[in-house]
Protein backbone atom coordinates (compact mmCIF):
# COMPACT_ATOMS: atom_id res chain seq x y z
CA UNK A 1 181.67 -2.10 -59.28
CA UNK A 2 179.24 0.82 -59.47
CA UNK A 3 176.65 -1.45 -61.12
CA UNK A 4 176.94 -4.04 -58.35
CA UNK A 5 176.42 -1.32 -55.68
CA UNK A 6 173.49 0.15 -57.47
CA UNK A 7 171.90 -3.32 -58.02
CA UNK A 8 172.20 -4.05 -54.31
CA UNK A 9 170.19 -0.84 -53.62
CA UNK A 10 167.46 -1.90 -56.10
CA UNK A 11 167.10 -5.28 -54.49
CA UNK A 12 167.38 -4.15 -50.88
CA UNK A 13 165.57 -0.83 -50.25
CA UNK A 14 165.86 -1.25 -46.51
CA UNK A 15 167.55 0.81 -43.71
CA UNK A 16 169.21 -0.48 -40.56
CA UNK A 17 170.94 1.80 -37.96
CA UNK A 18 173.87 0.71 -35.76
CA UNK A 19 174.67 0.74 -32.01
CA UNK A 20 171.81 -0.98 -30.68
CA UNK A 21 170.13 -2.47 -33.76
CA UNK A 22 166.93 -0.63 -34.73
CA UNK A 23 164.92 -2.15 -37.49
CA UNK A 24 162.73 -0.72 -40.23
CA UNK A 25 159.54 -2.45 -41.34
CA UNK A 26 161.63 -5.23 -43.15
CA UNK A 27 164.34 -7.50 -42.07
CA UNK A 28 166.72 -7.70 -45.05
CA UNK A 29 168.44 -10.75 -46.54
CA UNK A 30 172.08 -9.92 -47.04
CA UNK A 31 172.53 -9.02 -50.71
CA UNK A 32 174.36 -11.73 -52.76
CA UNK A 33 175.70 -11.93 -56.21
CA UNK A 34 176.44 -15.31 -57.59
CA UNK A 35 177.84 -16.45 -61.01
CA UNK A 36 175.41 -18.31 -63.21
CA UNK A 37 176.27 -19.54 -66.69
CA UNK A 38 178.45 -16.65 -67.67
CA UNK A 39 176.07 -14.07 -65.98
CA UNK A 40 175.48 -12.75 -62.50
CA UNK A 41 172.40 -13.27 -60.43
CA UNK A 42 171.74 -10.70 -57.81
CA UNK A 43 169.53 -11.79 -54.86
CA UNK A 44 167.88 -9.65 -52.21
CA UNK A 45 164.61 -9.07 -50.36
CA UNK A 46 163.40 -9.36 -46.81
CA UNK A 47 160.90 -10.39 -44.28
CA UNK A 48 158.01 -8.29 -42.97
CA UNK A 49 154.80 -8.52 -41.04
CA UNK A 50 152.72 -5.35 -41.02
CA UNK A 51 154.74 -2.97 -38.65
CA UNK A 52 156.00 -5.62 -36.31
CA UNK A 53 159.72 -4.90 -37.09
CA UNK A 54 159.30 -1.01 -37.03
CA UNK A 55 160.91 0.12 -33.90
CA UNK A 56 162.06 -3.33 -32.75
CA UNK A 57 165.38 -2.90 -30.90
CA UNK A 58 167.95 -5.63 -30.33
CA UNK A 59 170.55 -5.38 -27.64
CA UNK A 60 173.32 -8.03 -27.52
CA UNK A 61 174.15 -9.01 -23.90
CA UNK A 62 176.35 -11.67 -22.37
CA UNK A 63 173.35 -13.85 -21.96
CA UNK A 64 172.12 -13.49 -25.56
CA UNK A 65 170.01 -10.83 -27.52
CA UNK A 66 167.17 -9.02 -25.80
CA UNK A 67 164.46 -7.52 -28.04
CA UNK A 68 162.28 -4.53 -27.15
CA UNK A 69 159.62 -2.34 -28.79
CA UNK A 70 159.38 0.73 -26.75
CA UNK A 71 159.39 -0.28 -23.06
CA UNK A 72 158.06 -3.82 -23.74
CA UNK A 73 160.21 -6.88 -24.05
CA UNK A 74 159.44 -9.07 -27.17
CA UNK A 75 160.39 -12.63 -27.36
CA UNK A 76 158.59 -14.12 -30.36
CA UNK A 77 158.08 -13.42 -34.02
CA UNK A 78 154.54 -12.43 -34.98
CA UNK A 79 152.01 -15.03 -35.95
CA UNK A 80 152.69 -14.87 -39.75
CA UNK A 81 155.58 -13.38 -41.84
CA UNK A 82 155.67 -12.21 -45.45
CA UNK A 83 158.90 -13.13 -47.42
CA UNK A 84 159.91 -11.25 -50.58
CA UNK A 85 162.89 -12.50 -52.66
CA UNK A 86 163.99 -10.59 -55.67
CA UNK A 87 166.43 -11.81 -58.31
CA UNK A 88 167.87 -9.95 -61.33
CA UNK A 89 170.30 -11.33 -63.92
CA UNK A 90 172.99 -9.16 -65.52
CA UNK A 91 175.87 -9.67 -67.87
CA UNK A 92 179.20 -10.15 -66.05
CA UNK A 93 182.71 -10.08 -67.16
CA UNK A 94 185.07 -12.89 -66.39
CA UNK A 95 185.97 -11.43 -63.06
CA UNK A 96 182.32 -11.27 -61.87
CA UNK A 97 181.93 -7.59 -62.37
CA UNK A 98 178.35 -6.89 -63.39
CA UNK A 99 177.42 -4.50 -66.15
CA UNK A 100 174.26 -2.44 -66.54
CA UNK A 101 172.98 -4.82 -69.18
CA UNK A 102 170.02 -6.55 -67.58
CA UNK A 103 168.87 -9.83 -68.90
CA UNK A 104 165.40 -11.42 -68.71
CA UNK A 105 165.46 -14.54 -66.64
CA UNK A 106 163.81 -17.33 -68.72
CA UNK A 107 160.41 -18.66 -67.60
CA UNK A 108 161.83 -22.18 -67.40
CA UNK A 109 164.28 -21.01 -64.83
CA UNK A 110 161.74 -18.74 -63.01
CA UNK A 111 159.25 -21.59 -62.50
CA UNK A 112 161.80 -24.29 -61.96
CA UNK A 113 163.39 -22.83 -58.79
CA UNK A 114 162.41 -24.52 -55.43
CA UNK A 115 162.40 -22.65 -52.09
CA UNK A 116 162.72 -24.23 -48.76
CA UNK A 117 162.46 -22.37 -45.43
CA UNK A 118 164.06 -23.41 -42.18
CA UNK A 119 164.50 -21.98 -38.69
CA UNK A 120 168.20 -21.96 -37.47
CA UNK A 121 168.61 -22.21 -33.69
CA UNK A 122 172.39 -22.05 -32.93
CA UNK A 123 173.65 -24.69 -35.37
CA UNK A 124 170.39 -26.74 -35.73
CA UNK A 125 168.07 -26.38 -38.69
CA UNK A 126 164.44 -27.12 -38.31
CA UNK A 127 161.82 -27.06 -41.16
CA UNK A 128 159.53 -23.90 -41.13
CA UNK A 129 155.78 -24.70 -41.11
CA UNK A 130 153.24 -23.50 -43.59
CA UNK A 131 155.69 -21.99 -46.09
CA UNK A 132 153.47 -21.00 -48.98
CA UNK A 133 154.70 -19.53 -52.36
CA UNK A 134 152.39 -17.08 -54.17
CA UNK A 135 152.66 -16.49 -57.92
CA UNK A 136 155.83 -14.82 -58.77
CA UNK A 137 155.93 -11.35 -60.69
CA UNK A 138 158.11 -10.00 -63.30
CA UNK A 139 159.11 -6.32 -62.77
CA UNK A 140 161.09 -3.94 -64.98
CA UNK A 141 162.39 -0.79 -63.50
CA UNK A 142 164.25 2.12 -65.26
CA UNK A 143 166.88 3.86 -63.19
CA UNK A 144 169.25 6.85 -63.94
CA UNK A 145 172.79 6.56 -62.79
CA UNK A 146 175.30 9.35 -63.69
CA UNK A 147 173.00 10.76 -66.28
CA UNK A 148 172.46 7.38 -68.01
CA UNK A 149 169.28 5.47 -67.96
CA UNK A 150 169.26 1.74 -67.69
CA UNK A 151 166.58 -0.86 -66.89
CA UNK A 152 166.76 -3.91 -64.77
CA UNK A 153 164.49 -6.91 -64.98
CA UNK A 154 163.53 -8.61 -61.74
CA UNK A 155 161.62 -11.51 -60.58
CA UNK A 156 159.82 -11.11 -57.30
CA UNK A 157 158.89 -14.21 -55.36
CA UNK A 158 156.54 -13.77 -52.41
CA UNK A 159 155.78 -16.36 -49.58
CA UNK A 160 153.82 -16.49 -46.43
CA UNK A 161 155.11 -18.32 -43.39
CA UNK A 162 153.57 -19.31 -40.07
CA UNK A 163 155.96 -18.08 -37.34
CA UNK A 164 153.70 -18.38 -34.22
CA UNK A 165 155.65 -19.04 -30.99
CA UNK A 166 159.04 -18.86 -32.85
CA UNK A 167 161.67 -17.14 -30.64
CA UNK A 168 163.17 -13.98 -32.16
CA UNK A 169 166.70 -15.49 -31.49
CA UNK A 170 166.16 -17.90 -34.48
CA UNK A 171 167.24 -17.01 -37.95
CA UNK A 172 165.05 -17.68 -40.98
CA UNK A 173 166.98 -19.44 -43.63
CA UNK A 174 165.65 -19.82 -47.27
CA UNK A 175 167.50 -22.27 -49.59
CA UNK A 176 166.93 -21.95 -53.30
CA UNK A 177 167.60 -24.99 -55.53
CA UNK A 178 167.54 -25.68 -59.26
CA UNK A 179 165.29 -28.32 -60.82
CA UNK A 180 168.15 -30.72 -60.87
CA UNK A 181 168.43 -30.37 -57.00
CA UNK A 182 171.63 -28.26 -57.13
CA UNK A 183 171.60 -25.65 -54.40
CA UNK A 184 171.78 -22.19 -55.97
CA UNK A 185 171.84 -19.88 -52.96
CA UNK A 186 171.01 -19.66 -49.27
CA UNK A 187 169.47 -16.42 -47.80
CA UNK A 188 169.33 -15.60 -44.09
CA UNK A 189 167.40 -13.03 -42.12
CA UNK A 190 167.22 -12.23 -38.42
CA UNK A 191 166.55 -9.36 -36.22
């Protein structure tokens, strides 16, 4: 369980405070762990646009959420968003508990994944426009936990997305599929 919690922190280095929701520079995707062929895949990442989300406050009201930056009301996402999705693969036991043994995701899988972005408005999904994938990067990081060092191997996928005139009330949904069309995971971010 310690490994799972620590891997979440690696994949999602983001802070959010409660009460009214105050955002940092990044809207995080919820951390997810899924079983994959006897291993566990850890997914994380987030959405950013320069400092647009820094200081953005959301207040939920009976008429829906209201967004503010300082005294100004904000209704729309910025013109463009950058999306980063990180995935790491670790050994897991039969109960889905991850170990600190990091695996290297094979190139065939890394290049074979497909990503689709959509905007969710209540229960309706609409395709996101100009969703462009940049070359993925492999990253290896060494961490120390309880006096022991371990390394984790990550793949980082980066995308750009046109979000001009998109209301902040919409959620960004990114669906990841395998080369055979099987849906692997769905990630969501919203202010």
